[in-house]
Amino acid sequence: MIYLDNAATTRPDEAAVDKALKYLKEKFFNPSSLYREGFEVHREMEAARKNIMAHVVKNDKYEMIFTSCGSEADNMALFSCARRGNLVITKGEHAAIYNSAAALSKLGTEVRYAELNADGSVNEDSLLSLIDEDTRLVSVIHVNNETGAINNILDLSAKVKKKNSSTVFHSDGVQAFGKIPFNLDNCIDLYTISAHKIGGIRGVAGLIKRKSLTLHPLIYGGGQEKGLRGGTENVFSIKQFEYAAEKKFSMLKHDFNAVQRLNAYLRNALSSELFEILSSENASPYILSVSAKGLRGEILLHMLNDEGLIVGTGSACSSKNRYSRVMLACGLNEKRADGVLRLSFSPSNTEEEVKEAASLLNQCAQLLKERMQ
């Protein structure tokens, strides 16, 4: 089996799992407990929080809330900061942002949508034109989860603040954290990260926030996470996230270069008669989106699956929709959007796997094309 859907989820790092197992088997105590063992677990959880955040935060102006997933973190950002005035998002946002914005619209918030460039990045002029004195929150995805386009959130956030200094700037960094080099600066107020995209296990994520920013909980309970997220913390998953992140960031440049080579090979090996490359050369190398010319991507996906190759058709969170709204926003017509496949890499993928994947993609697309004639 060749797995090229790593943007949906990654294989958990076994060493990180093994290292964290003691928090299931031995140090299973509730971190909110007052006895010595619980307090020790709490201290180790706080160390994990600090260590995870330190990979992208180089000052003491930020803190992090642990959540169950990136979607929860995105929801907390929007429902805390965009209940009045207007909210500006891009047409390329993950469903967790896009659908939260739709829900806020029903509650009375005006939602404004910034246009995309052809590669899936936000059109800067469109974004900035939507901001006025009533803009409460701007959310711009860091790395587009369907095309891999990288938005320069440092530059964009500074320009947003220049137009309205009180506007809160959030970015969903789920496809960026642990994959591309960056550090947060003071113009970014909120930033979402997730464990299972970098070798962590599902069930834990984080919302990095500027300390001075006031948020409101989605889940009420016993006062955990400084009262912002009720529920006993998942210490095993949190520690495994810490260990997986430590490994990812120690190998960040090496992995980036390795994945870049795999991406480049696949770009060149796919038949130009059968596939159109959609992701730009400047996109994150971890994601390569293509369109099978005149073919339906979902049918091709199942053919490839039967041959032992696993790929995606776009965001796993929007897999029930035939046409990707993100791809349509990039300017694709429905025919081109219908053929979209998303190929996403991990440093654990080998050159041999990618060569075999290219061969299978070309073979299956050619066979499907012949069947349709």
Protein backbone atom coordinates (compact mmCIF):
# COMPACT_ATOMS: atom_id res chain seq x y z
CA MET A 1 0.00 0.00 0.00
CA ILE A 2 1.27 3.45 -0.99
CA TYR A 3 -0.21 6.26 1.09
CA LEU A 4 -0.30 9.73 -0.49
CA ASP A 5 -3.07 11.37 1.52
CA ASN A 6 -0.94 12.78 4.32
CA ALA A 7 -2.76 16.13 4.26
CA ALA A 8 -5.79 14.25 5.60
CA THR A 9 -3.87 12.53 8.38
CA THR A 10 -0.42 11.06 8.96
CA ARG A 11 0.76 7.78 10.38
CA PRO A 12 1.43 8.30 14.11
CA ASP A 13 5.13 8.44 14.92
CA GLU A 14 5.79 5.15 16.71
CA ALA A 15 8.69 6.41 18.79
CA ALA A 16 6.56 9.32 20.04
CA VAL A 17 3.71 6.92 20.84
CA ASP A 18 6.02 4.56 22.74
CA LYS A 19 7.55 7.43 24.70
CA ALA A 20 4.12 8.77 25.68
CA LEU A 21 2.61 5.40 26.64
CA LYS A 22 3.54 5.85 30.28
CA TYR A 23 0.83 8.54 30.45
CA LEU A 24 -1.69 5.80 29.69
CA LYS A 25 -0.21 2.98 31.71
CA GLU A 26 1.57 4.56 34.66
CA LYS A 27 1.05 8.33 34.86
CA PHE A 28 -2.66 8.13 34.14
CA PHE A 29 -3.61 10.64 36.84
CA ASN A 30 -5.99 13.54 36.34
CA PRO A 31 -3.84 16.68 35.92
CA SER A 32 -6.40 18.70 37.90
CA SER A 33 -6.05 16.49 40.98
CA LEU A 34 -4.50 17.98 44.12
CA TYR A 35 -2.41 15.00 45.19
CA ARG A 36 1.26 14.74 44.31
CA GLU A 37 0.91 12.38 41.33
CA GLY A 38 -1.76 14.53 39.66
CA PHE A 39 0.25 17.69 40.18
CA GLU A 40 3.31 16.06 38.60
CA VAL A 41 1.28 15.11 35.53
CA HIS A 42 0.01 18.69 35.38
CA ARG A 43 3.59 20.00 35.41
CA GLU A 44 4.54 17.66 32.56
CA MET A 45 1.50 18.74 30.58
CA GLU A 46 2.53 22.38 31.04
CA ALA A 47 6.02 21.52 29.84
CA ALA A 48 4.48 20.00 26.70
CA ARG A 49 2.42 23.14 26.14
CA LYS A 50 5.53 25.31 26.39
CA ASN A 51 7.66 23.07 24.19
CA ILE A 52 5.07 22.71 21.41
CA MET A 53 4.44 26.44 21.26
CA ALA A 54 8.16 27.30 21.36
CA HIS A 55 8.66 25.88 17.86
CA VAL A 56 6.88 28.90 16.35
CA VAL A 57 6.75 31.46 19.19
CA LYS A 58 9.92 33.29 20.21
CA ASN A 59 8.52 35.70 22.82
CA ASP A 60 6.41 35.57 25.98
CA LYS A 61 3.33 37.30 24.56
CA TYR A 62 1.52 34.10 23.61
CA GLU A 63 -0.10 31.14 25.34
CA MET A 64 -1.84 28.03 24.04
CA ILE A 65 -5.15 26.29 24.71
CA PHE A 66 -5.30 22.56 24.09
CA THR A 67 -8.35 21.45 22.10
CA SER A 68 -9.56 18.13 20.70
CA CYS A 69 -8.88 19.05 17.06
CA GLY A 70 -8.06 21.88 14.68
CA SER A 71 -11.74 22.37 13.91
CA GLU A 72 -12.49 23.07 17.58
CA ALA A 73 -9.64 25.58 17.75
CA ASP A 74 -10.92 27.32 14.60
CA ASN A 75 -14.44 27.41 16.05
CA MET A 76 -13.19 28.94 19.29
CA ALA A 77 -11.36 31.67 17.37
CA LEU A 78 -14.37 32.66 15.29
CA PHE A 79 -17.12 32.32 17.87
CA SER A 80 -15.06 34.29 20.40
CA CYS A 81 -14.08 37.19 18.17
CA ALA A 82 -16.63 37.57 15.38
CA ARG A 83 -20.06 37.81 16.99
CA ARG A 84 -20.48 41.46 16.05
CA GLY A 85 -19.55 43.70 13.15
CA ASN A 86 -18.15 41.90 10.14
CA LEU A 87 -15.91 38.90 9.63
CA VAL A 88 -13.49 38.58 6.71
CA ILE A 89 -12.33 35.16 5.54
CA THR A 90 -10.95 33.85 2.26
CA LYS A 91 -12.79 31.62 -0.17
CA GLY A 92 -9.98 29.11 0.36
CA GLU A 93 -10.57 28.43 4.04
CA HIS A 94 -10.88 24.97 5.56
CA ALA A 95 -14.44 23.85 6.25
CA ALA A 96 -13.93 24.49 9.98
CA ILE A 97 -13.61 28.20 9.23
CA TYR A 98 -15.97 28.38 6.26
CA ASN A 99 -18.87 26.62 7.97
CA SER A 100 -18.33 28.45 11.25
CA ALA A 101 -18.58 31.70 9.31
CA ALA A 102 -21.83 30.49 7.76
CA ALA A 103 -23.20 29.74 11.24
CA LEU A 104 -22.16 33.19 12.48
CA SER A 105 -23.90 34.74 9.48
CA LYS A 106 -27.16 33.20 10.68
CA LEU A 107 -26.56 34.81 14.07
CA GLY A 108 -26.21 38.27 12.52
CA THR A 109 -22.52 38.63 11.74
CA GLU A 110 -21.79 40.01 8.28
CA VAL A 111 -19.37 37.65 6.53
CA ARG A 112 -17.16 38.92 3.72
CA TYR A 113 -15.24 36.59 1.42
CA ALA A 114 -11.90 37.50 -0.14
CA GLU A 115 -11.22 36.20 -3.64
CA LEU A 116 -8.50 33.70 -4.48
CA ASN A 117 -5.70 33.76 -7.00
CA ALA A 118 -5.49 30.88 -9.47
CA ASP A 119 -3.10 28.94 -7.21
CA GLY A 120 -5.43 29.09 -4.20
CA SER A 121 -3.66 31.89 -2.34
CA VAL A 122 -5.75 34.84 -1.20
CA ASN A 123 -5.91 37.88 -3.44
CA GLU A 124 -4.36 40.56 -1.26
CA ASP A 125 -6.20 43.49 -2.84
CA SER A 126 -9.53 41.73 -2.43
CA LEU A 127 -8.79 40.90 1.21
CA LEU A 128 -7.71 44.39 2.20
CA SER A 129 -10.62 46.04 0.37
CA LEU A 130 -13.07 44.21 2.66
CA ILE A 131 -11.65 45.57 5.92
CA ASP A 132 -13.22 48.61 7.57
CA GLU A 133 -13.80 50.06 11.03
CA ASP A 134 -16.36 47.32 11.85
CA THR A 135 -14.15 44.35 10.95
CA ARG A 136 -13.79 42.28 14.10
CA LEU A 137 -11.82 39.30 12.77
CA VAL A 138 -9.84 38.33 9.69
CA SER A 139 -8.98 34.66 9.16
CA VAL A 140 -6.51 33.63 6.46
CA ILE A 141 -5.39 30.03 6.08
CA HIS A 142 -1.59 29.70 6.19
CA VAL A 143 -1.20 26.80 3.76
CA ASN A 144 -4.20 25.98 1.61
CA ASN A 145 -5.17 22.40 2.40
CA GLU A 146 -6.23 21.66 -1.19
CA THR A 147 -3.62 23.38 -3.38
CA GLY A 148 -0.75 23.88 -0.94
CA ALA A 149 -0.62 27.62 -1.71
CA ILE A 150 1.26 29.50 1.03
CA ASN A 151 -0.19 32.78 2.23
CA ASN A 152 2.28 35.28 3.65
CA ILE A 153 0.39 35.71 6.91
CA LEU A 154 3.11 37.86 8.48
CA ASP A 155 2.80 40.46 5.74
CA LEU A 156 -0.98 40.17 5.45
CA SER A 157 -1.56 40.51 9.19
CA ALA A 158 0.58 43.66 9.32
CA LYS A 159 -1.40 45.19 6.47
CA VAL A 160 -4.69 44.24 8.11
CA LYS A 161 -3.58 45.90 11.37
CA LYS A 162 -2.56 48.99 9.42
CA LYS A 163 -6.12 49.33 8.11
CA ASN A 164 -7.74 48.56 11.47
CA SER A 165 -5.48 48.09 14.49
CA SER A 166 -8.28 46.57 16.57
CA THR A 167 -9.07 43.79 14.09
CA VAL A 168 -8.12 40.34 15.38
CA PHE A 169 -6.05 38.27 12.92
CA HIS A 170 -6.37 34.46 12.95
CA SER A 171 -4.71 31.86 10.77
CA ASP A 172 -5.39 28.15 10.43
CA GLY A 173 -1.86 26.77 10.40
CA VAL A 174 -2.72 23.08 10.42
CA GLN A 175 -0.96 22.38 7.09
CA ALA A 176 1.99 24.64 7.92
CA PHE A 177 3.00 23.71 11.47
CA GLY A 178 5.94 21.30 11.36
CA LYS A 179 6.17 21.50 7.58
CA ILE A 180 7.35 24.96 6.56
CA PRO A 181 9.65 27.34 8.50
CA PHE A 182 8.03 30.36 10.15
CA ASN A 183 7.65 32.21 13.45
CA LEU A 184 4.62 34.12 14.68
CA ASP A 185 4.88 37.86 15.22
CA ASN A 186 2.75 40.28 17.19
CA CYS A 187 0.36 41.03 14.33
CA ILE A 188 -0.99 37.47 14.47
CA ASP A 189 -3.39 37.11 17.37
CA LEU A 190 -4.57 33.52 16.97
CA TYR A 191 -3.03 30.48 15.28
CA THR A 192 -4.40 26.94 14.97
CA ILE A 193 -2.19 23.82 15.02
CA SER A 194 -2.99 20.10 15.04
CA ALA A 195 -1.12 16.95 16.06
CA HIS A 196 -2.27 14.36 13.54
CA LYS A 197 -0.87 16.20 10.52
CA ILE A 198 2.72 15.77 11.79
CA GLY A 199 2.86 12.25 13.23
CA GLY A 200 0.78 12.98 16.30
CA ILE A 201 -2.39 11.07 17.09
CA ARG A 202 -5.92 12.31 16.55
CA GLY A 203 -7.60 13.89 19.54
CA VAL A 204 -5.40 16.88 20.34
CA ALA A 205 -4.69 20.25 18.77
CA GLY A 206 -4.04 23.76 19.96
CA LEU A 207 -5.05 27.37 19.59
CA ILE A 208 -2.11 29.69 20.13
CA LYS A 209 -3.36 33.07 21.34
CA ARG A 210 -1.99 36.44 22.26
CA LYS A 211 -2.20 36.60 26.05
CA SER A 212 -3.99 39.92 26.12
CA LEU A 213 -6.79 38.67 23.86
CA THR A 214 -10.05 37.68 25.56
CA LEU A 215 -11.70 34.46 24.34
CA HIS A 216 -14.88 32.66 25.33
CA PRO A 217 -15.20 28.90 25.88
CA LEU A 218 -17.16 26.61 23.62
CA ILE A 219 -17.12 23.85 26.25
CA TYR A 220 -17.90 24.67 29.86
CA GLY A 221 -16.74 22.44 32.68
CA GLY A 222 -14.34 22.33 35.57
CA GLY A 223 -12.20 25.30 34.65
CA GLN A 224 -9.48 23.47 32.73
CA GLU A 225 -7.31 25.40 30.25
CA LYS A 226 -7.71 28.59 32.31
CA GLY A 227 -11.47 28.25 32.07
CA LEU A 228 -11.45 28.32 28.27
CA ARG A 229 -11.93 24.62 27.54
CA GLY A 230 -13.71 22.38 30.02
CA GLY A 231 -12.93 18.69 30.21
CA THR A 232 -10.07 16.60 31.58
CA GLU A 233 -7.02 17.08 29.38
CA ASN A 234 -5.84 14.18 27.23
CA VAL A 235 -2.33 14.04 28.67
CA PHE A 236 -1.23 10.99 26.67
CA SER A 237 -2.14 12.68 23.36
CA ILE A 238 -0.64 15.98 24.50
CA LYS A 239 2.71 14.39 25.38
CA GLN A 240 2.74 12.36 22.17
CA PHE A 241 2.07 15.63 20.29
CA GLU A 242 5.06 17.17 22.08
CA TYR A 243 7.38 14.32 21.12
CA ALA A 244 6.14 14.17 17.51
CA ALA A 245 6.55 17.95 17.13
CA GLU A 246 10.06 17.82 18.59
CA LYS A 247 11.06 15.29 15.96
CA LYS A 248 9.35 17.14 13.10
CA PHE A 249 11.00 20.46 13.88
CA SER A 250 14.41 18.87 14.35
CA MET A 251 14.06 17.51 10.79
CA LEU A 252 12.16 20.45 9.31
CA LYS A 253 14.67 21.49 6.62
CA HIS A 254 15.71 17.92 5.82
CA ASP A 255 12.10 16.76 5.46
CA PHE A 256 11.15 19.82 3.40
CA ASN A 257 13.92 19.08 0.91
CA ALA A 258 13.10 15.37 0.78
CA VAL A 259 9.41 15.99 0.15
CA GLN A 260 10.25 18.66 -2.41
CA ARG A 261 12.17 16.05 -4.43
CA LEU A 262 9.23 13.65 -4.30
CA ASN A 263 6.84 16.39 -5.37
CA ALA A 264 9.07 17.42 -8.27
CA TYR A 265 9.42 13.86 -9.48
CA LEU A 266 5.67 13.29 -9.52
CA ARG A 267 5.04 16.61 -11.28
CA ASN A 268 7.39 15.59 -14.09
CA ALA A 269 6.32 11.93 -14.27
CA LEU A 270 2.60 12.53 -14.73
CA SER A 271 1.46 12.51 -18.36
CA SER A 272 0.62 16.03 -19.54
CA GLU A 273 -1.97 14.47 -21.86
CA LEU A 274 -3.82 12.99 -18.89
CA PHE A 275 -3.18 15.43 -16.02
CA GLU A 276 -3.12 19.16 -15.43
CA ILE A 277 -0.93 20.35 -12.56
CA LEU A 278 -2.86 22.78 -10.36
CA SER A 279 -0.48 23.48 -7.47
CA SER A 280 2.07 26.20 -8.17
CA GLU A 281 5.81 25.67 -8.02
CA ASN A 282 5.89 27.90 -4.92
CA ALA A 283 3.29 25.87 -3.03
CA SER A 284 4.08 23.74 -0.02
CA PRO A 285 5.82 20.63 -1.40
CA TYR A 286 3.70 18.52 0.93
CA ILE A 287 0.63 19.01 -1.31
CA LEU A 288 0.28 18.48 -5.06
CA SER A 289 -3.15 18.92 -6.61
CA VAL A 290 -3.82 17.82 -10.17
CA SER A 291 -6.83 17.46 -12.43
CA ALA A 292 -7.37 14.38 -14.55
CA LYS A 293 -8.41 15.78 -17.91
CA GLY A 294 -11.99 14.91 -18.82
CA LEU A 295 -12.21 12.33 -16.05
CA ARG A 296 -13.96 12.14 -12.73
CA GLY A 297 -11.50 12.24 -9.84
CA GLU A 298 -13.64 10.13 -7.52
CA ILE A 299 -13.78 7.22 -9.98
CA LEU A 300 -10.04 7.45 -10.54
CA LEU A 301 -9.47 7.52 -6.77
CA HIS A 302 -11.30 4.18 -6.37
CA MET A 303 -9.40 2.63 -9.29
CA LEU A 304 -6.11 3.67 -7.70
CA ASN A 305 -7.28 2.39 -4.32
CA ASP A 306 -7.91 -1.04 -5.89
CA GLU A 307 -4.31 -1.00 -7.11
CA GLY A 308 -2.92 -0.15 -3.67
CA LEU A 309 -2.48 3.62 -4.01
CA ILE A 310 -4.34 5.90 -1.59
CA VAL A 311 -4.89 9.52 -2.65
CA GLY A 312 -7.50 12.18 -1.93
CA THR A 313 -9.85 14.29 -4.02
CA GLY A 314 -9.39 17.41 -1.91
CA SER A 315 -10.14 18.22 1.70
CA ALA A 316 -11.15 15.11 3.63
CA CYS A 317 -13.56 17.33 5.58
CA SER A 318 -15.45 18.18 2.37
CA SER A 319 -15.36 14.79 0.65
CA LYS A 320 -19.16 14.59 0.30
CA ASN A 321 -19.21 17.49 -2.18
CA ARG A 322 -18.68 16.63 -5.85
CA TYR A 323 -17.05 19.93 -6.72
CA SER A 324 -14.57 21.56 -4.39
CA ARG A 325 -15.69 25.12 -3.61
CA VAL A 326 -12.00 26.01 -3.22
CA MET A 327 -11.14 24.78 -6.70
CA LEU A 328 -14.11 26.62 -8.15
CA ALA A 329 -12.93 29.75 -6.35
CA CYS A 330 -9.51 29.27 -8.00
CA GLY A 331 -11.24 29.67 -11.36
CA LEU A 332 -11.72 26.04 -12.39
CA ASN A 333 -14.94 25.20 -14.20
CA GLU A 334 -16.94 22.20 -13.00
CA LYS A 335 -15.42 19.87 -15.60
CA ARG A 336 -11.87 20.58 -14.46
CA ALA A 337 -12.88 20.58 -10.80
CA ASP A 338 -14.52 17.17 -11.24
CA GLY A 339 -11.15 15.63 -12.10
CA VAL A 340 -9.23 16.93 -9.08
CA LEU A 341 -6.98 14.62 -7.07
CA ARG A 342 -4.88 15.73 -4.09
CA LEU A 343 -1.57 13.94 -3.64
CA SER A 344 0.06 14.73 -0.33
CA PHE A 345 3.41 13.54 0.93
CA SER A 346 5.21 12.50 4.09
CA PRO A 347 8.98 12.29 4.59
CA SER A 348 8.42 8.57 5.13
CA ASN A 349 7.37 8.20 1.49
CA THR A 350 10.16 6.78 -0.69
CA GLU A 351 11.26 7.52 -4.24
CA GLU A 352 10.26 3.99 -5.19
CA GLU A 353 6.73 4.60 -3.87
CA VAL A 354 6.39 7.85 -5.80
CA LYS A 355 7.66 6.23 -9.00
CA GLU A 356 5.11 3.45 -8.61
CA ALA A 357 2.42 6.02 -7.81
CA ALA A 358 3.18 7.97 -11.00
CA SER A 359 2.97 4.79 -13.05
CA LEU A 360 -0.37 3.82 -11.48
CA LEU A 361 -1.80 7.29 -11.94
CA ASN A 362 -0.91 7.32 -15.64
CA GLN A 363 -2.09 3.74 -16.20
CA CYS A 364 -5.42 4.13 -14.43
CA ALA A 365 -6.17 7.50 -16.02
CA GLN A 366 -5.43 6.09 -19.48
CA LEU A 367 -7.62 3.04 -18.82
CA LEU A 368 -10.49 5.19 -17.57
CA LYS A 369 -10.13 7.47 -20.58
CA GLU A 370 -10.35 4.49 -22.96
CA ARG A 371 -13.42 3.13 -21.19
CA MET A 372 -15.18 6.44 -21.65
CA GLN A 373 -14.55 6.60 -25.39
